[in-house]
Amino acid sequence: MAGLCWMAVMLAVFLSAENSLAVMDQNRLAAIVHGILREYRTRGMFSLAIRIPDNQNQNLKQILQQVFGSDPGNNVKNTINSGEVYIGNRVVAAKVLQRPTGGAEHAESRVVDHLDHLFNSRNANDHDWLLFYVYASPCVEKCSSNRHRESILQRLNHIRQWDNYAVVFSTIFIPRTGQPNTDRQRSAALQRIGSSVGLDNIFRCARQDHRMQCTSCSVGGQVAPYCVSNS
């Protein structure tokens, strides 16, 4: 009986440590996303892929300054606001591009084509993880579709070259025309994205109670309601 009690206590400690680690990871991610958006946020739909130094001996301010020193915010924003894709040492960024003939090339679609560039631009002694950020969740009809020729699903697989990565969005994508998507459709879209990157690597990071908070989009292997609902 004593042995069983000891095992129960150790299991409780282990699970508590796991839960604490998960909370700490999301808090750290929230702080990084907050800093990244302060430097690179711009008007309209935009997307970023960023090599983040994974150095536990540096504080978050030092880590962010290493990114910003490599790819200053004004350089990034000036480039993407002119309609170009910014391709730097640690940062790839783009905004949605409206086509003269109609339609648009979505920001995340323009960024995922350069994930290999970021992976190959590392130095041998770099220990980085990848943050893939898009302001609004990938759309149902195009980016997360299994059938659309501009889907990002196959190209997003390149993110798996990294040992650690996070796919982050802040708000729910709402089409400008046509019928609005349902929560079920958005959930299926995130499940498809999760099939490429792992649902537990997807987070919604947005301001709540006047501070940035990140919420995992995976709850028991299913899509969290917060990641698909505007309510």
Protein backbone atom coordinates (compact mmCIF):
# COMPACT_ATOMS: atom_id res chain seq x y z
CA MET A 1 0.00 0.00 0.00
CA ALA A 2 2.83 2.39 0.87
CA GLY A 3 4.37 1.71 -2.54
CA LEU A 4 1.11 2.54 -4.28
CA CYS A 5 0.78 5.78 -2.30
CA TRP A 6 4.34 6.76 -3.20
CA MET A 7 3.63 6.11 -6.90
CA ALA A 8 0.48 8.21 -6.74
CA VAL A 9 2.36 11.10 -5.15
CA MET A 10 5.13 10.95 -7.78
CA LEU A 11 2.58 10.82 -10.59
CA ALA A 12 0.83 13.88 -9.19
CA VAL A 13 4.14 15.75 -8.98
CA PHE A 14 5.03 14.74 -12.54
CA LEU A 15 1.67 15.86 -13.93
CA SER A 16 1.88 19.12 -12.02
CA ALA A 17 5.34 19.78 -13.49
CA GLU A 18 4.01 19.03 -16.98
CA ASN A 19 1.13 21.45 -16.53
CA SER A 20 3.45 24.13 -15.14
CA LEU A 21 5.81 23.68 -18.07
CA ALA A 22 2.96 24.08 -20.54
CA VAL A 23 1.82 27.28 -18.81
CA MET A 24 5.37 28.64 -18.80
CA ASP A 25 5.79 27.85 -22.50
CA GLN A 26 2.62 29.74 -23.40
CA ASN A 27 3.57 32.68 -21.22
CA ARG A 28 6.99 32.83 -22.85
CA LEU A 29 5.41 32.59 -26.30
CA ALA A 30 3.00 35.40 -25.40
CA ALA A 31 5.89 37.66 -24.36
CA ILE A 32 7.75 36.94 -27.60
CA VAL A 33 4.68 37.50 -29.77
CA HIS A 34 4.00 40.78 -27.94
CA GLY A 35 7.55 41.98 -28.62
CA ILE A 36 7.50 40.83 -32.24
CA LEU A 37 4.24 42.63 -32.96
CA ARG A 38 5.47 45.84 -31.35
CA GLU A 39 8.37 45.83 -33.81
CA TYR A 40 6.77 44.48 -36.99
CA ARG A 41 3.00 45.07 -36.78
CA THR A 42 1.54 46.92 -39.77
CA ARG A 43 -1.93 47.71 -41.04
CA GLY A 44 -3.86 45.08 -42.94
CA MET A 45 -3.33 41.34 -43.24
CA PHE A 46 0.31 40.32 -42.78
CA SER A 47 2.39 37.28 -41.98
CA LEU A 48 5.85 36.68 -40.50
CA ALA A 49 8.25 33.74 -40.23
CA ILE A 50 11.03 34.40 -37.73
CA ARG A 51 14.04 32.48 -36.47
CA ILE A 52 13.97 33.01 -32.70
CA PRO A 53 17.18 32.31 -30.73
CA ASP A 54 16.61 29.48 -28.29
CA ASN A 55 19.17 30.45 -25.69
CA GLN A 56 18.13 29.88 -22.09
CA ASN A 57 21.07 32.01 -20.90
CA GLN A 58 19.53 35.10 -22.51
CA ASN A 59 16.50 36.96 -21.26
CA LEU A 60 13.65 37.71 -23.63
CA LYS A 61 14.76 41.30 -24.20
CA GLN A 62 18.18 40.12 -25.36
CA ILE A 63 16.63 37.49 -27.61
CA LEU A 64 14.30 39.99 -29.26
CA GLN A 65 17.08 42.53 -29.72
CA GLN A 66 19.07 39.86 -31.54
CA VAL A 67 16.17 39.48 -33.98
CA PHE A 68 15.56 43.21 -34.36
CA GLY A 69 19.26 43.94 -34.83
CA SER A 70 19.34 41.49 -37.70
CA ASP A 71 16.10 42.69 -39.31
CA PRO A 72 15.02 46.17 -38.10
CA GLY A 73 11.32 46.85 -37.98
CA ASN A 74 11.37 49.82 -40.36
CA ASN A 75 13.19 47.79 -43.01
CA VAL A 76 10.63 45.01 -42.76
CA LYS A 77 7.57 47.27 -42.74
CA ASN A 78 8.79 49.52 -45.56
CA THR A 79 9.37 46.49 -47.77
CA ILE A 80 6.07 44.73 -47.16
CA ASN A 81 4.05 47.97 -47.29
CA SER A 82 5.42 48.45 -50.82
CA GLY A 83 3.97 45.10 -51.83
CA GLU A 84 7.22 43.13 -51.77
CA VAL A 85 8.16 40.09 -49.72
CA TYR A 86 10.83 40.90 -47.14
CA ILE A 87 13.49 38.20 -47.05
CA GLY A 88 16.09 38.79 -44.34
CA ASN A 89 18.48 36.85 -42.18
CA ARG A 90 16.00 36.00 -39.43
CA VAL A 91 12.72 37.32 -40.81
CA VAL A 92 10.53 36.68 -43.84
CA ALA A 93 7.42 38.86 -44.04
CA ALA A 94 4.65 39.80 -46.46
CA LYS A 95 1.25 41.42 -46.68
CA VAL A 96 -1.71 40.27 -48.72
CA LEU A 97 -1.20 41.20 -52.40
CA GLN A 98 -4.24 42.28 -54.39
CA ARG A 99 -4.06 41.12 -58.00
CA PRO A 100 -4.94 43.63 -60.78
CA THR A 101 -7.12 40.97 -62.39
CA GLY A 102 -9.01 40.30 -59.16
CA GLY A 103 -8.48 38.12 -56.14
CA ALA A 104 -5.52 38.20 -53.80
CA GLU A 105 -2.39 36.30 -52.86
CA HIS A 106 -2.65 35.79 -49.13
CA ALA A 107 0.17 36.91 -46.85
CA GLU A 108 0.86 33.49 -45.33
CA SER A 109 1.05 31.94 -48.80
CA ARG A 110 3.74 34.43 -49.79
CA VAL A 111 5.76 33.68 -46.65
CA VAL A 112 5.69 29.86 -46.60
CA ASP A 113 7.57 29.71 -49.89
CA HIS A 114 10.65 31.01 -48.05
CA LEU A 115 10.75 28.71 -45.01
CA ASP A 116 13.69 26.87 -46.57
CA HIS A 117 15.59 30.16 -46.82
CA LEU A 118 15.34 30.71 -43.09
CA PHE A 119 16.38 27.15 -42.33
CA ASN A 120 19.38 27.33 -44.66
CA SER A 121 20.49 30.77 -43.45
CA ARG A 122 21.31 29.46 -39.97
CA ASN A 123 24.87 29.19 -38.77
CA ALA A 124 26.10 25.78 -37.68
CA ASN A 125 26.03 26.81 -34.00
CA ASP A 126 22.62 28.49 -34.11
CA HIS A 127 19.98 27.00 -31.84
CA ASP A 128 16.77 28.58 -33.07
CA TRP A 129 13.09 27.79 -33.18
CA LEU A 130 10.66 29.08 -35.78
CA LEU A 131 7.70 31.36 -35.17
CA PHE A 132 5.22 31.38 -38.06
CA TYR A 133 2.73 34.18 -37.46
CA VAL A 134 -0.30 35.24 -39.47
CA TYR A 135 -2.60 38.00 -38.29
CA ALA A 136 -5.80 36.09 -39.12
CA SER A 137 -6.32 32.33 -39.12
CA PRO A 138 -5.71 30.66 -42.51
CA CYS A 139 -8.89 30.85 -44.57
CA VAL A 140 -11.17 27.88 -45.14
CA GLU A 141 -11.60 28.18 -48.90
CA LYS A 142 -7.99 28.67 -50.00
CA CYS A 143 -5.01 28.47 -47.63
CA SER A 144 -6.23 25.51 -45.57
CA SER A 145 -7.99 23.72 -48.42
CA ASN A 146 -7.00 20.26 -49.59
CA ARG A 147 -7.97 21.11 -53.14
CA HIS A 148 -7.19 24.76 -53.88
CA ARG A 149 -4.06 25.31 -55.96
CA GLU A 150 -2.94 28.09 -53.59
CA SER A 151 -3.30 25.99 -50.46
CA ILE A 152 -0.39 26.26 -48.01
CA LEU A 153 -0.80 22.77 -46.52
CA GLN A 154 1.96 21.00 -48.48
CA ARG A 155 4.35 23.95 -48.38
CA LEU A 156 3.81 24.39 -44.64
CA ASN A 157 5.25 20.91 -44.14
CA HIS A 158 8.69 22.51 -44.57
CA ILE A 159 8.34 23.88 -41.05
CA ARG A 160 9.06 20.37 -39.78
CA GLN A 161 12.73 20.91 -40.59
CA TRP A 162 12.87 22.71 -37.25
CA ASP A 163 13.05 20.85 -33.96
CA ASN A 164 10.75 23.43 -32.37
CA TYR A 165 8.22 25.76 -33.93
CA ALA A 166 4.93 27.50 -33.27
CA VAL A 167 2.18 28.52 -35.67
CA VAL A 168 0.36 31.55 -34.28
CA PHE A 169 -2.59 33.72 -35.30
CA SER A 170 -4.40 36.50 -33.48
CA THR A 171 -7.88 36.83 -34.93
CA ILE A 172 -10.41 34.78 -36.86
CA PHE A 173 -10.43 35.22 -40.63
CA ILE A 174 -13.79 36.47 -41.96
CA PRO A 175 -14.33 36.52 -45.74
CA ARG A 176 -15.26 39.90 -47.18
CA THR A 177 -17.76 38.38 -49.58
CA GLY A 178 -20.03 35.36 -49.60
CA GLN A 179 -21.42 33.42 -46.69
CA PRO A 180 -19.48 33.57 -43.40
CA ASN A 181 -17.75 30.37 -42.34
CA THR A 182 -19.19 28.32 -39.52
CA ASP A 183 -17.24 27.28 -36.44
CA ARG A 184 -17.33 23.70 -37.77
CA GLN A 185 -15.73 24.77 -41.06
CA ARG A 186 -13.04 26.75 -39.25
CA SER A 187 -12.39 23.81 -36.94
CA ALA A 188 -11.94 21.48 -39.91
CA ALA A 189 -9.56 24.02 -41.47
CA LEU A 190 -7.39 24.10 -38.34
CA GLN A 191 -7.42 20.31 -38.20
CA ARG A 192 -6.01 20.29 -41.73
CA ILE A 193 -3.31 22.78 -40.74
CA GLY A 194 -2.64 20.58 -37.73
CA SER A 195 -2.10 17.61 -40.03
CA SER A 196 0.86 19.52 -41.48
CA VAL A 197 2.39 20.99 -38.33
CA GLY A 198 0.75 19.21 -35.38
CA LEU A 199 -2.32 20.73 -33.75
CA ASP A 200 -0.46 21.12 -30.44
CA ASN A 201 1.94 23.55 -32.18
CA ILE A 202 -0.87 25.95 -33.14
CA PHE A 203 -1.78 28.84 -30.84
CA ARG A 204 -4.09 31.82 -30.86
CA CYS A 205 -2.28 34.77 -29.30
CA ALA A 206 -4.33 37.89 -28.68
CA ARG A 207 -4.77 40.63 -26.13
CA GLN A 208 -7.04 39.66 -23.25
CA ASP A 209 -7.48 41.74 -20.11
CA HIS A 210 -4.99 44.28 -21.50
CA ARG A 211 -2.15 41.81 -22.02
CA MET A 212 -1.04 39.31 -24.62
CA GLN A 213 -2.13 35.75 -23.92
CA CYS A 214 -1.54 32.60 -25.95
CA THR A 215 -4.00 29.71 -25.94
CA SER A 216 -3.27 26.28 -27.37
CA CYS A 217 -5.59 25.30 -30.20
CA SER A 218 -5.42 21.66 -29.11
CA VAL A 219 -7.68 20.33 -26.36
CA GLY A 220 -7.55 16.57 -26.07
CA GLY A 221 -6.48 16.32 -29.70
CA GLN A 222 -9.46 18.40 -30.84
CA VAL A 223 -9.60 22.05 -31.92
CA ALA A 224 -10.20 24.42 -29.00
CA PRO A 225 -13.43 26.46 -29.41
CA TYR A 226 -11.53 29.69 -28.69
CA CYS A 227 -9.50 29.16 -31.87
CA VAL A 228 -12.53 29.11 -34.18
CA SER A 229 -15.13 31.33 -32.56
CA ASN A 230 -15.50 35.10 -32.67
CA SER A 231 -17.84 35.10 -29.67
